[in-house]
Structures are given as structure tokens and as C-alpha cells.
Amino acid sequence: MKVKSKIWSALGSFMDHSMINKPSGADRAILTDIETAIERCIDLHDTVFDERYVHEILFLVSNAPGSITFLSRRISTHLDSTREPVRALKTLLLIHRLLRGGDRYFEQDLRNLWSSQDLKVDPSWLMDYNDEAYALVHGYSSYLEERMAWAFGQSGNLEPVRPPFMELTFRSYNDEMVELLCFRLSKCQTLLDRVMDCFLVNSSSDGPVARSVFGLVLRESFRVYEGYAEGLEYLMRSPFNKASKPFRSLVHEILKKSCLQTPQIQDFYQKCKKTNVGKALDYPFVKIVTPSHITSVENMFTSKDQSQILEEDERTTEEIPIRESKNSFNLFPGKLEATISTVWVEFDEENLEATSL
């Protein structure tokens, strides 16, 4: 299977350079069909392309392992060659739709090709075009640059993908949990900033393609914000008081950023509700983080530090120190809630027979 995938990848690269218009066999015909579907999606008309072309591309790629390399390079070539804002928007929208429509293996492969620069979402020519007609292209390109580092998790929610080089070692489990939570919250903050930068609500870009981009990005932002709000609430209620000071500073930075950002998000959503696209959407309730929240968390840290000092002083007066077992350590203070999974697990008859034995 790996050999076949490499052959397809090499064939895609070969066609990408010079051979796409030459007659060929069945293998080359699939790549030609992919190219045709791409061109149908990214014409010059300000109309949203039919979703069936996206499904056609996904179907063709699924039946030709390795052709995703050809797909990525052809899309990048089209994006680099056009100077029309509508066509650039449609090309970026195609990338976004493919990213959402494919399975997790397709999503992972597309993200890897973006990392290797085979797939580009930021055309080099865009820096020379700064007038209003290209404002949405600039914003959408920046959004997709950040969005490529996200993936749909098993729960169906968008989650940031942790780069392999970010695997760290920690002094304690609390430090690890704080860093993990702050990483997720920081990525949420960045993506939400990209959403707000993506749209100038009073922009003149109100054509069908622009409205489609607006609706898609806005709906994604709702899911991201909901996860962001849940993470902030958990961070403020359980700020991991046993974490070391460097990781506590991460908590402080996240909360400080949220004080500035949450009012901006609320104002942004209020403006979006007045637009033709945004008025029919189901917006999340935005919870405003205030400086008093930061003070409350810092006071909690301080009180825990003082109580820890008192506990250490009391231990020095005891003849036999009593230490709590590591197995009894509770990561989540307060009430625990059980969640019933709705994921069905299917067992083969052979596995059931083996289990009964």
C-alpha cells in the first residue's frame, strides 16, 4: 500500500509540472478529473460552487492514494497564479471545505502537506494588494493559516493540534495540566483574533462568495468560543494551586488576554447579528472576564502558598510526618461529575467468543 501511495504521489508531481493535458491511462484520468473538479470550483463568477464538486474531489482522492499531493499542488498553483479577489476567495474556500469534508486521515495528510509547503494558503502576491477589494482575502488567508493547525476531535469539536516538537517534560502532574490547558486556551485566543480580523462588518465585500466565507468562519468560531469559555471557567474555578510559579504565570497571561478579548468578542458578535448572513445564526452567550477574576485567582494562589508554608511548619514539629499516597492525589478539586459516553463500540463475534472463554 505504501508503494502504491508513493507511485501516485510521484505521478501527481509529474503531472503537476507538465503532463496534465496529455492523453493517458486510467491513473492519469483520475488526476485529470481532480483538476477538472478544481477548475469548476474556482471560476471567476461570484457564485458559490456546488458542494458535489467537493465530494467528487474527496471521492477521487480516496480512490487514488497519494493523489492528495497532486491536489494540494494544483490548488496552490491556481492560488498563486490568480490576481482576482473572487477567484482567490473561492480557492481558499475550496481548501476550507475540503479540510472540513474529508475524514481524519485526509485532514491529517492535508495538514502535513501544508506544513511541507506543498499546500499554500498565503499567496506571495497578496502583500502587494492592500486595497479594500482584497481585505477579505487577506483576512481569510490569515484565518486559514491558523485553522490548518486545528483538527476535529473524536467529540466532533475543533481542537488545536499539538506540534511534536512541543512535547515537554514537567516536574509535576499539575504543571503538565496547566500547560496543556493554557496551550489550548492560547490557541483559542489566537484563532478568535483571526476571526475578528477576518471580517470588517461594514466592508463592501457582500457578494455570494464573501457571504459563504463569512457564514462558515462565523459558525466555526462559535464552537471554538464555547470550548474557550469552558476552559476559562475551569481555569478560574480550579487554578491548579499546586502548580509551580512559571506555570502560574501562564494562567495570569491567559486571564489578562481574556480581559481584553472577551469584550471584543461580544461586540463583534453583536455587529455580526445585524448583517444578512449573521442574523439567522445561533450565537453563544459571551462571558466577560474582568480584572476582578484575575485578582480572585491570584488571591487563591496566595492563600494556598501561605497555607502550604503553615503546613510545612507544622510538619517540622511532628515526630513522624504523615505523607499522603500519590495514588490518592486528586487532580480536579471539588465535585466530580460522571459523563456517559455516547460512542458505540462494535465487537466482532470472534472477540465475544474469546471473552466468554
Protein backbone atom coordinates (compact mmCIF):
# COMPACT_ATOMS: atom_id res chain seq x y z
CA MET A 1 0.00 0.00 0.00
CA LYS A 2 2.84 2.38 0.80
CA VAL A 3 4.48 1.64 -2.57
CA LYS A 4 1.21 2.39 -4.38
CA SER A 5 0.82 5.63 -2.46
CA LYS A 6 4.34 6.73 -3.40
CA ILE A 7 3.67 5.93 -7.07
CA TRP A 8 0.54 8.07 -7.02
CA SER A 9 2.40 10.89 -5.31
CA ALA A 10 5.20 10.77 -7.89
CA LEU A 11 2.68 10.66 -10.73
CA GLY A 12 0.83 13.63 -9.28
CA SER A 13 4.04 15.62 -9.04
CA PHE A 14 4.97 14.68 -12.60
CA MET A 15 1.59 15.76 -13.97
CA ASP A 16 1.70 18.89 -11.88
CA HIS A 17 4.73 20.11 -13.79
CA SER A 18 3.93 19.40 -17.40
CA MET A 19 1.83 16.41 -18.30
CA ILE A 20 -1.74 17.16 -17.27
CA ASN A 21 -3.10 17.76 -20.81
CA LYS A 22 -1.55 14.68 -22.42
CA PRO A 23 -3.73 11.60 -23.05
CA SER A 24 -3.04 8.79 -20.65
CA GLY A 25 -4.38 5.71 -18.97
CA ALA A 26 -6.81 5.26 -16.09
CA ASP A 27 -4.39 6.54 -13.46
CA ARG A 28 -3.77 9.79 -15.29
CA ALA A 29 -7.50 10.13 -15.97
CA ILE A 30 -8.23 10.30 -12.23
CA LEU A 31 -5.78 13.15 -11.80
CA THR A 32 -7.32 14.90 -14.79
CA ASP A 33 -10.75 14.54 -13.19
CA ILE A 34 -9.38 16.11 -10.00
CA GLU A 35 -8.03 19.05 -11.99
CA THR A 36 -11.37 19.48 -13.77
CA ALA A 37 -13.28 19.50 -10.48
CA ILE A 38 -10.89 22.11 -9.06
CA GLU A 39 -11.42 24.39 -12.07
CA ARG A 40 -15.20 24.11 -11.73
CA CYS A 41 -14.93 25.31 -8.13
CA ILE A 42 -12.68 28.31 -8.71
CA ASP A 43 -14.03 30.08 -11.80
CA LEU A 44 -14.28 33.86 -12.00
CA HIS A 45 -18.01 34.09 -11.29
CA ASP A 46 -19.13 35.41 -7.90
CA THR A 47 -21.21 32.32 -7.20
CA VAL A 48 -20.61 29.63 -4.60
CA PHE A 49 -19.50 26.35 -6.18
CA ASP A 50 -21.66 23.26 -5.84
CA GLU A 51 -20.81 21.05 -2.87
CA ARG A 52 -20.94 18.00 -5.13
CA TYR A 53 -17.61 19.04 -6.67
CA VAL A 54 -16.04 18.97 -3.21
CA HIS A 55 -17.42 15.47 -2.66
CA GLU A 56 -16.20 14.45 -6.11
CA ILE A 57 -12.65 15.58 -5.27
CA LEU A 58 -12.74 13.76 -1.93
CA PHE A 59 -14.02 10.61 -3.66
CA LEU A 60 -11.35 10.72 -6.35
CA VAL A 61 -8.56 11.26 -3.81
CA SER A 62 -9.84 8.43 -1.62
CA ASN A 63 -9.58 6.06 -4.59
CA ALA A 64 -6.09 7.20 -5.54
CA PRO A 65 -3.76 7.12 -2.51
CA GLY A 66 -1.09 9.76 -2.88
CA SER A 67 -3.08 11.94 -5.28
CA ILE A 68 -3.68 14.39 -2.44
CA THR A 69 -0.17 15.71 -3.18
CA PHE A 70 -1.24 16.49 -6.73
CA LEU A 71 -4.44 18.09 -5.41
CA SER A 72 -2.54 20.33 -2.99
CA ARG A 73 -0.02 21.47 -5.58
CA ARG A 74 -2.66 22.23 -8.20
CA ILE A 75 -4.72 24.30 -5.74
CA SER A 76 -1.58 26.17 -4.68
CA THR A 77 -0.67 26.84 -8.31
CA HIS A 78 -4.11 28.27 -9.02
CA LEU A 79 -3.94 30.45 -5.90
CA ASP A 80 -0.51 31.79 -6.88
CA SER A 81 -1.47 32.48 -10.49
CA THR A 82 -4.71 34.39 -9.96
CA ARG A 83 -5.00 38.06 -9.07
CA GLU A 84 -8.78 38.18 -9.00
CA PRO A 85 -10.12 38.57 -5.42
CA VAL A 86 -13.22 36.45 -6.11
CA ARG A 87 -11.20 33.58 -7.56
CA ALA A 88 -8.69 33.79 -4.70
CA LEU A 89 -11.55 33.66 -2.19
CA LYS A 90 -13.10 30.65 -3.95
CA THR A 91 -9.75 28.85 -3.93
CA LEU A 92 -9.33 29.45 -0.20
CA LEU A 93 -12.95 28.41 0.36
CA LEU A 94 -12.29 25.17 -1.53
CA ILE A 95 -9.35 24.40 0.78
CA HIS A 96 -11.55 25.11 3.80
CA ARG A 97 -14.39 22.92 2.52
CA LEU A 98 -12.01 20.06 1.76
CA LEU A 99 -10.48 20.39 5.22
CA ARG A 100 -13.93 20.10 6.79
CA GLY A 101 -15.32 17.48 4.43
CA GLY A 102 -12.57 14.87 4.47
CA ASP A 103 -12.05 12.14 7.04
CA ARG A 104 -9.38 12.45 9.71
CA TYR A 105 -6.75 10.76 7.52
CA PHE A 106 -7.39 13.19 4.67
CA GLU A 107 -7.35 16.06 7.16
CA GLN A 108 -4.03 14.91 8.59
CA ASP A 109 -2.48 14.45 5.14
CA LEU A 110 -3.64 17.90 4.05
CA ARG A 111 -2.19 19.44 7.19
CA ASN A 112 1.13 17.67 6.61
CA LEU A 113 1.23 18.97 3.04
CA TRP A 114 0.59 22.47 4.35
CA SER A 115 3.48 22.03 6.79
CA SER A 116 5.75 20.95 3.93
CA GLN A 117 4.63 23.95 1.80
CA ASP A 118 3.05 21.72 -0.86
CA LEU A 119 -0.24 23.36 0.07
CA LYS A 120 -0.21 27.15 0.38
CA VAL A 121 -2.96 29.37 1.74
CA ASP A 122 -0.97 32.61 1.66
CA PRO A 123 -0.13 33.57 -1.95
CA SER A 124 3.07 35.55 -2.29
CA TRP A 125 1.44 38.24 -4.46
CA LEU A 126 -1.12 39.16 -1.80
CA MET A 127 1.25 41.52 0.03
CA ASP A 128 1.20 43.86 -2.98
CA TYR A 129 -2.61 44.21 -2.92
CA ASN A 130 -3.84 46.20 0.07
CA ASP A 131 -6.99 47.89 -1.25
CA GLU A 132 -10.46 47.13 0.14
CA ALA A 133 -11.29 44.61 -2.58
CA TYR A 134 -8.62 42.28 -1.18
CA ALA A 135 -9.33 42.88 2.53
CA LEU A 136 -11.32 39.66 2.94
CA VAL A 137 -8.71 37.67 1.01
CA HIS A 138 -6.05 38.90 3.45
CA GLY A 139 -8.20 38.07 6.48
CA TYR A 140 -9.36 34.68 5.22
CA SER A 141 -5.82 33.67 4.28
CA SER A 142 -4.59 34.54 7.80
CA TYR A 143 -7.50 32.66 9.33
CA LEU A 144 -6.77 29.51 7.31
CA GLU A 145 -3.08 29.73 8.24
CA GLU A 146 -4.13 29.34 11.88
CA ARG A 147 -7.03 27.00 11.12
CA MET A 148 -4.69 24.47 9.49
CA ALA A 149 -3.26 23.80 12.95
CA TRP A 150 -6.67 22.60 14.18
CA ALA A 151 -8.50 19.32 13.67
CA PHE A 152 -11.83 17.76 14.54
CA GLY A 153 -11.55 15.56 17.63
CA GLN A 154 -13.50 12.41 18.44
CA SER A 155 -16.19 14.56 20.06
CA GLY A 156 -16.70 16.45 16.82
CA ASN A 157 -15.26 19.68 18.21
CA LEU A 158 -12.38 21.65 16.74
CA GLU A 159 -9.22 21.11 18.77
CA PRO A 160 -5.73 22.55 18.33
CA VAL A 161 -3.12 20.07 17.17
CA ARG A 162 -0.05 19.99 19.36
CA PRO A 163 3.18 20.03 17.30
CA PRO A 164 5.52 17.10 18.05
CA PHE A 165 8.39 19.42 18.99
CA MET A 166 6.26 20.87 21.80
CA GLU A 167 6.39 17.68 23.85
CA LEU A 168 7.85 18.80 27.17
CA THR A 169 8.82 17.28 30.49
CA PHE A 170 7.22 18.51 33.69
CA ARG A 171 8.10 18.50 37.36
CA SER A 172 4.57 17.61 38.40
CA TYR A 173 1.24 16.47 37.02
CA ASN A 174 -0.26 19.85 37.95
CA ASP A 175 2.33 21.64 35.82
CA GLU A 176 1.50 19.39 32.90
CA MET A 177 -2.24 20.00 33.21
CA VAL A 178 -1.77 23.77 33.49
CA GLU A 179 0.46 23.88 30.42
CA LEU A 180 -1.94 21.71 28.41
CA LEU A 181 -4.96 23.83 29.33
CA CYS A 182 -3.13 27.11 28.72
CA PHE A 183 -1.91 25.84 25.35
CA ARG A 184 -5.48 25.11 24.27
CA LEU A 185 -6.77 28.44 25.59
CA SER A 186 -3.95 30.35 23.92
CA LYS A 187 -4.72 28.70 20.57
CA CYS A 188 -8.41 29.56 21.04
CA GLN A 189 -7.49 33.18 21.67
CA THR A 190 -5.35 33.32 18.54
CA LEU A 191 -7.99 31.73 16.30
CA LEU A 192 -10.73 34.01 17.65
CA ASP A 193 -8.49 37.00 16.94
CA ARG A 194 -8.13 35.75 13.36
CA VAL A 195 -11.92 35.50 13.08
CA MET A 196 -12.39 39.11 14.18
CA ASP A 197 -9.58 40.29 11.89
CA CYS A 198 -11.08 38.33 9.01
CA PHE A 199 -14.19 40.46 8.73
CA LEU A 200 -14.81 44.15 8.53
CA VAL A 201 -18.54 44.09 9.13
CA ASN A 202 -19.01 47.33 7.18
CA SER A 203 -16.95 46.03 4.27
CA SER A 204 -18.30 46.32 0.74
CA SER A 205 -17.45 42.65 0.12
CA ASP A 206 -21.01 41.34 0.33
CA GLY A 207 -21.21 39.02 -2.68
CA PRO A 208 -22.33 35.37 -2.51
CA VAL A 209 -18.78 34.01 -2.07
CA ALA A 210 -17.96 36.52 0.67
CA ARG A 211 -21.22 35.65 2.46
CA SER A 212 -20.40 31.95 2.26
CA VAL A 213 -16.96 32.57 3.77
CA PHE A 214 -18.50 34.78 6.45
CA GLY A 215 -21.07 32.16 7.48
CA LEU A 216 -18.60 29.27 7.53
CA VAL A 217 -15.95 31.04 9.60
CA LEU A 218 -18.53 32.51 11.96
CA ARG A 219 -20.10 29.10 12.68
CA GLU A 220 -16.68 27.62 13.37
CA SER A 221 -15.92 30.46 15.76
CA PHE A 222 -19.00 29.60 17.83
CA ARG A 223 -17.66 26.11 18.56
CA VAL A 224 -14.20 27.44 19.32
CA TYR A 225 -15.58 30.09 21.67
CA GLU A 226 -17.70 27.55 23.57
CA GLY A 227 -14.60 25.46 24.26
CA TYR A 228 -12.70 28.62 25.17
CA ALA A 229 -15.37 29.73 27.66
CA GLU A 230 -15.48 26.30 29.30
CA GLY A 231 -11.70 26.28 29.64
CA LEU A 232 -11.65 29.75 31.18
CA GLU A 233 -14.34 28.83 33.68
CA TYR A 234 -12.47 25.70 34.71
CA LEU A 235 -9.21 27.64 34.96
CA MET A 236 -10.75 30.19 37.31
CA ARG A 237 -12.53 27.65 39.49
CA SER A 238 -9.64 25.21 39.72
CA PRO A 239 -6.43 27.15 39.07
CA PHE A 240 -4.14 24.24 40.00
CA ASN A 241 -2.72 25.80 43.14
CA LYS A 242 0.00 23.14 43.37
CA ALA A 243 1.49 24.19 40.06
CA SER A 244 4.89 25.86 40.10
CA LYS A 245 5.21 29.63 39.69
CA PRO A 246 6.28 29.64 36.00
CA PHE A 247 3.09 27.81 35.09
CA ARG A 248 1.02 30.08 37.29
CA SER A 249 2.31 32.96 35.19
CA LEU A 250 0.82 31.21 32.16
CA VAL A 251 -2.55 31.31 33.89
CA HIS A 252 -2.10 35.02 34.57
CA GLU A 253 -1.24 35.76 30.93
CA ILE A 254 -4.26 33.83 29.66
CA LEU A 255 -6.62 35.68 32.00
CA LYS A 256 -5.04 39.05 31.21
CA LYS A 257 -5.55 38.44 27.50
CA SER A 258 -9.14 37.30 28.08
CA CYS A 259 -9.93 40.58 29.90
CA LEU A 260 -9.18 42.43 26.68
CA GLN A 261 -10.55 39.87 24.26
CA THR A 262 -13.93 38.80 25.66
CA PRO A 263 -15.49 42.31 25.38
CA GLN A 264 -14.18 42.46 21.81
CA ILE A 265 -15.79 39.11 21.01
CA GLN A 266 -19.09 40.27 22.47
CA ASP A 267 -19.00 43.48 20.43
CA PHE A 268 -18.01 41.57 17.28
CA TYR A 269 -20.92 39.12 17.59
CA GLN A 270 -23.35 41.98 18.23
CA LYS A 271 -22.27 43.61 14.97
CA CYS A 272 -22.48 40.30 13.10
CA LYS A 273 -26.09 39.83 14.22
CA LYS A 274 -27.03 42.92 12.22
CA THR A 275 -25.72 41.50 8.93
CA ASN A 276 -27.80 39.50 6.45
CA VAL A 277 -25.72 36.36 6.95
CA GLY A 278 -25.27 36.62 10.71
CA LYS A 279 -28.79 37.48 11.80
CA ALA A 280 -30.12 33.90 11.47
CA LEU A 281 -27.29 32.17 13.35
CA ASP A 282 -27.39 30.82 16.90
CA TYR A 283 -24.77 32.84 18.79
CA PRO A 284 -23.16 31.69 22.04
CA PHE A 285 -23.54 33.75 25.19
CA VAL A 286 -20.27 35.63 25.72
CA LYS A 287 -18.99 35.69 29.29
CA ILE A 288 -16.91 38.76 30.05
CA VAL A 289 -13.70 38.24 32.03
CA THR A 290 -12.91 41.20 34.30
CA PRO A 291 -9.84 42.23 36.34
CA SER A 292 -11.67 41.02 39.46
CA HIS A 293 -11.47 37.48 38.10
CA ILE A 294 -7.69 37.78 37.85
CA THR A 295 -7.49 39.17 41.38
CA SER A 296 -9.62 36.30 42.68
CA VAL A 297 -7.34 33.69 41.10
CA GLU A 298 -4.19 35.44 42.34
CA ASN A 299 -5.63 35.62 45.87
CA MET A 300 -6.34 31.92 45.68
CA PHE A 301 -2.74 31.26 44.71
CA THR A 302 -1.50 33.47 47.56
CA SER A 303 -3.71 31.83 50.17
CA LYS A 304 -2.59 28.39 49.05
CA ASP A 305 1.06 29.46 49.30
CA GLN A 306 0.51 30.69 52.85
CA SER A 307 -1.34 27.56 53.89
CA GLN A 308 1.42 25.44 52.38
CA ILE A 309 4.01 27.31 54.49
CA LEU A 310 1.95 26.73 57.64
CA GLU A 311 1.61 23.04 56.82
CA GLU A 312 5.39 22.74 56.40
CA ASP A 313 5.96 24.48 59.75
CA GLU A 314 3.55 22.09 61.46
CA ARG A 315 5.28 19.10 59.92
CA THR A 316 8.63 20.08 61.41
CA THR A 317 7.11 19.81 64.91
CA GLU A 318 5.81 16.32 64.30
CA GLU A 319 7.92 13.32 65.17
CA ILE A 320 6.57 11.17 62.33
CA PRO A 321 5.44 13.02 59.21
CA ILE A 322 2.35 11.56 57.58
CA ARG A 323 2.53 11.61 53.82
CA GLU A 324 -0.37 11.13 51.52
CA SER A 325 -0.07 8.37 48.96
CA LYS A 326 0.49 9.52 45.38
CA ASN A 327 -2.34 7.26 44.32
CA SER A 328 -4.79 9.33 46.34
CA PHE A 329 -3.87 12.59 44.59
CA ASN A 330 -6.95 14.30 43.19
CA LEU A 331 -6.32 16.41 40.10
CA PHE A 332 -9.74 18.01 39.99
CA PRO A 333 -10.70 19.62 43.31
CA GLY A 334 -14.35 19.77 44.29
CA LYS A 335 -17.24 17.76 42.96
CA LEU A 336 -16.58 15.21 40.25
CA GLU A 337 -19.12 14.65 37.53
CA ALA A 338 -19.55 11.46 35.55
CA THR A 339 -20.11 11.66 31.81
CA ILE A 340 -21.83 8.84 29.97
CA SER A 341 -20.21 8.22 26.61
CA THR A 342 -22.48 8.07 23.58
CA VAL A 343 -19.87 6.34 21.42
CA TRP A 344 -20.97 2.86 20.26
CA VAL A 345 -18.32 0.16 20.28
CA GLU A 346 -18.90 -2.77 17.98
CA PHE A 347 -17.41 -6.16 18.90
CA ASP A 348 -16.80 -8.97 16.46
CA GLU A 349 -18.35 -12.34 17.22
CA GLU A 350 -14.86 -13.84 17.45
CA ASN A 351 -13.88 -11.33 20.16
CA LEU A 352 -17.06 -12.09 22.11
CA GLU A 353 -16.41 -15.81 21.97
CA ALA A 354 -12.83 -15.29 23.12
CA THR A 355 -14.02 -13.14 26.00
CA SER A 356 -16.56 -15.71 27.14
CA LEU A 357 -13.85 -18.38 27.24
